[in-house]
Amino acid sequence: MAEPVALPGPVALFDGECNVCDWSVRFLLRHDRHGALHYASLQGETAAALMAERPDFPRDVDTVVVAEPLPSGALRLHTESDGVVRA
């Protein structure tokens, strides 16, 4: 069995080919003064590992997903507008 995906903190996963997503990431970077949020493309390795591990991970790349590790070791997923608000 593969190791669970270890995230460095909350990760915003976004469509790396979407101009609106690109604008959103730049906006978040400008306003994240503490560098608390990490970023990854939905077409990349982190998203692929989460998709393989989590049946509830969205398979559609035209959404925003925020993956938030919890102190218990569990992982909470926020999608669509909930993901944007959480970010």
C-alpha atoms as a PDB file:
ATOM      1  CA  MET A   1       0.000   0.000   0.000  1.00  0.00           C
ATOM      2  CA  ALA A   2       1.311   3.455  -0.905  1.00  0.00           C
ATOM      3  CA  GLU A   3       2.168   6.068   1.694  1.00  0.00           C
ATOM      4  CA  PRO A   4      -0.567   8.659   2.262  1.00  0.00           C
ATOM      5  CA  VAL A   5       0.069  11.973   0.569  1.00  0.00           C
ATOM      6  CA  ALA A   6       1.849  14.277   3.014  1.00  0.00           C
ATOM      7  CA  LEU A   7       1.079  17.932   2.460  1.00  0.00           C
ATOM      8  CA  PRO A   8       3.160  20.796   3.898  1.00  0.00           C
ATOM      9  CA  GLY A   9      -0.026  22.616   4.942  1.00  0.00           C
ATOM     10  CA  PRO A  10      -3.165  23.703   3.134  1.00  0.00           C
ATOM     11  CA  VAL A  11      -2.749  23.374  -0.626  1.00  0.00           C
ATOM     12  CA  ALA A  12      -4.813  25.164  -3.255  1.00  0.00           C
ATOM     13  CA  LEU A  13      -5.053  22.959  -6.330  1.00  0.00           C
ATOM     14  CA  PHE A  14      -6.046  24.780  -9.475  1.00  0.00           C
ATOM     15  CA  ASP A  15      -6.335  24.271 -13.219  1.00  0.00           C
ATOM     16  CA  GLY A  16      -2.846  25.138 -14.452  1.00  0.00           C
ATOM     17  CA  GLU A  17      -4.182  25.899 -17.928  1.00  0.00           C
ATOM     18  CA  CYS A  18      -6.946  28.300 -16.872  1.00  0.00           C
ATOM     19  CA  ASN A  19      -6.396  32.068 -17.087  1.00  0.00           C
ATOM     20  CA  VAL A  20      -8.996  32.777 -14.392  1.00  0.00           C
ATOM     21  CA  CYS A  21      -7.281  30.261 -12.100  1.00  0.00           C
ATOM     22  CA  ASP A  22      -3.941  31.906 -12.834  1.00  0.00           C
ATOM     23  CA  TRP A  23      -5.391  35.287 -11.852  1.00  0.00           C
ATOM     24  CA  SER A  24      -6.872  33.742  -8.676  1.00  0.00           C
ATOM     25  CA  VAL A  25      -3.520  32.257  -7.645  1.00  0.00           C
ATOM     26  CA  ARG A  26      -1.763  35.591  -8.217  1.00  0.00           C
ATOM     27  CA  PHE A  27      -4.447  37.297  -6.103  1.00  0.00           C
ATOM     28  CA  LEU A  28      -4.013  34.760  -3.298  1.00  0.00           C
ATOM     29  CA  LEU A  29      -0.221  35.076  -3.404  1.00  0.00           C
ATOM     30  CA  ARG A  30      -0.462  38.862  -3.060  1.00  0.00           C
ATOM     31  CA  HIS A  31      -2.783  38.590  -0.049  1.00  0.00           C
ATOM     32  CA  ASP A  32      -1.220  35.616   1.775  1.00  0.00           C
ATOM     33  CA  ARG A  33       1.154  37.681   3.909  1.00  0.00           C
ATOM     34  CA  HIS A  34       2.204  34.690   6.032  1.00  0.00           C
ATOM     35  CA  GLY A  35       2.768  32.242   3.175  1.00  0.00           C
ATOM     36  CA  ALA A  36       0.353  29.787   4.771  1.00  0.00           C
ATOM     37  CA  LEU A  37      -1.132  28.476   1.531  1.00  0.00           C
ATOM     38  CA  HIS A  38       0.740  26.233  -0.887  1.00  0.00           C
ATOM     39  CA  TYR A  39      -0.163  25.777  -4.551  1.00  0.00           C
ATOM     40  CA  ALA A  40      -0.262  22.888  -6.997  1.00  0.00           C
ATOM     41  CA  SER A  41      -1.715  22.289 -10.427  1.00  0.00           C
ATOM     42  CA  LEU A  42      -4.607  19.866 -10.825  1.00  0.00           C
ATOM     43  CA  GLN A  43      -2.590  18.403 -13.722  1.00  0.00           C
ATOM     44  CA  GLY A  44       0.444  17.736 -11.488  1.00  0.00           C
ATOM     45  CA  GLU A  45       1.835  14.986  -9.276  1.00  0.00           C
ATOM     46  CA  THR A  46       0.248  16.143  -6.011  1.00  0.00           C
ATOM     47  CA  ALA A  47      -3.262  16.118  -7.479  1.00  0.00           C
ATOM     48  CA  ALA A  48      -2.628  12.752  -9.166  1.00  0.00           C
ATOM     49  CA  ALA A  49      -1.515  11.263  -5.840  1.00  0.00           C
ATOM     50  CA  LEU A  50      -4.555  12.685  -4.048  1.00  0.00           C
ATOM     51  CA  MET A  51      -6.862  11.368  -6.789  1.00  0.00           C
ATOM     52  CA  ALA A  52      -5.344   7.895  -6.425  1.00  0.00           C
ATOM     53  CA  GLU A  53      -5.691   8.009  -2.644  1.00  0.00           C
ATOM     54  CA  ARG A  54      -9.033   9.758  -2.225  1.00  0.00           C
ATOM     55  CA  PRO A  55     -12.178   8.590  -4.042  1.00  0.00           C
ATOM     56  CA  ASP A  56     -13.856  11.882  -3.020  1.00  0.00           C
ATOM     57  CA  PHE A  57     -11.214  14.028  -4.750  1.00  0.00           C
ATOM     58  CA  PRO A  58     -12.846  15.812  -7.728  1.00  0.00           C
ATOM     59  CA  ARG A  59     -11.892  14.339 -11.089  1.00  0.00           C
ATOM     60  CA  ASP A  60     -12.982  17.470 -12.939  1.00  0.00           C
ATOM     61  CA  VAL A  61     -10.156  19.981 -13.401  1.00  0.00           C
ATOM     62  CA  ASP A  62     -12.390  23.009 -13.824  1.00  0.00           C
ATOM     63  CA  THR A  63     -12.766  23.614 -10.108  1.00  0.00           C
ATOM     64  CA  VAL A  64     -10.641  24.838  -7.227  1.00  0.00           C
ATOM     65  CA  VAL A  65      -9.763  22.358  -4.503  1.00  0.00           C
ATOM     66  CA  VAL A  66      -8.203  23.284  -1.182  1.00  0.00           C
ATOM     67  CA  ALA A  67      -6.748  20.257   0.580  1.00  0.00           C
ATOM     68  CA  GLU A  68      -6.340  21.022   4.279  1.00  0.00           C
ATOM     69  CA  PRO A  69      -4.452  18.635   6.572  1.00  0.00           C
ATOM     70  CA  LEU A  70      -6.050  18.406  10.009  1.00  0.00           C
ATOM     71  CA  PRO A  71      -4.207  17.889  13.321  1.00  0.00           C
ATOM     72  CA  SER A  72      -5.709  14.376  13.491  1.00  0.00           C
ATOM     73  CA  GLY A  73      -3.845  13.450  10.298  1.00  0.00           C
ATOM     74  CA  ALA A  74      -7.042  13.447   8.242  1.00  0.00           C
ATOM     75  CA  LEU A  75      -7.403  15.576   5.139  1.00  0.00           C
ATOM     76  CA  ARG A  76     -10.371  17.881   4.540  1.00  0.00           C
ATOM     77  CA  LEU A  77     -11.239  18.841   0.966  1.00  0.00           C
ATOM     78  CA  HIS A  78     -12.939  22.134   0.110  1.00  0.00           C
ATOM     79  CA  THR A  79     -14.166  22.446  -3.472  1.00  0.00           C
ATOM     80  CA  GLU A  80     -15.571  25.078  -5.806  1.00  0.00           C
ATOM     81  CA  SER A  81     -16.704  28.259  -4.018  1.00  0.00           C
ATOM     82  CA  ASP A  82     -16.049  26.659  -0.594  1.00  0.00           C
ATOM     83  CA  GLY A  83     -12.453  26.116  -1.703  1.00  0.00           C
ATOM     84  CA  VAL A  84     -12.069  29.707  -2.844  1.00  0.00           C
ATOM     85  CA  VAL A  85     -13.550  31.031   0.404  1.00  0.00           C
ATOM     86  CA  ARG A  86     -11.329  28.727   2.498  1.00  0.00           C
ATOM     87  CA  ALA A  87      -8.237  29.870   0.590  1.00  0.00           C
END
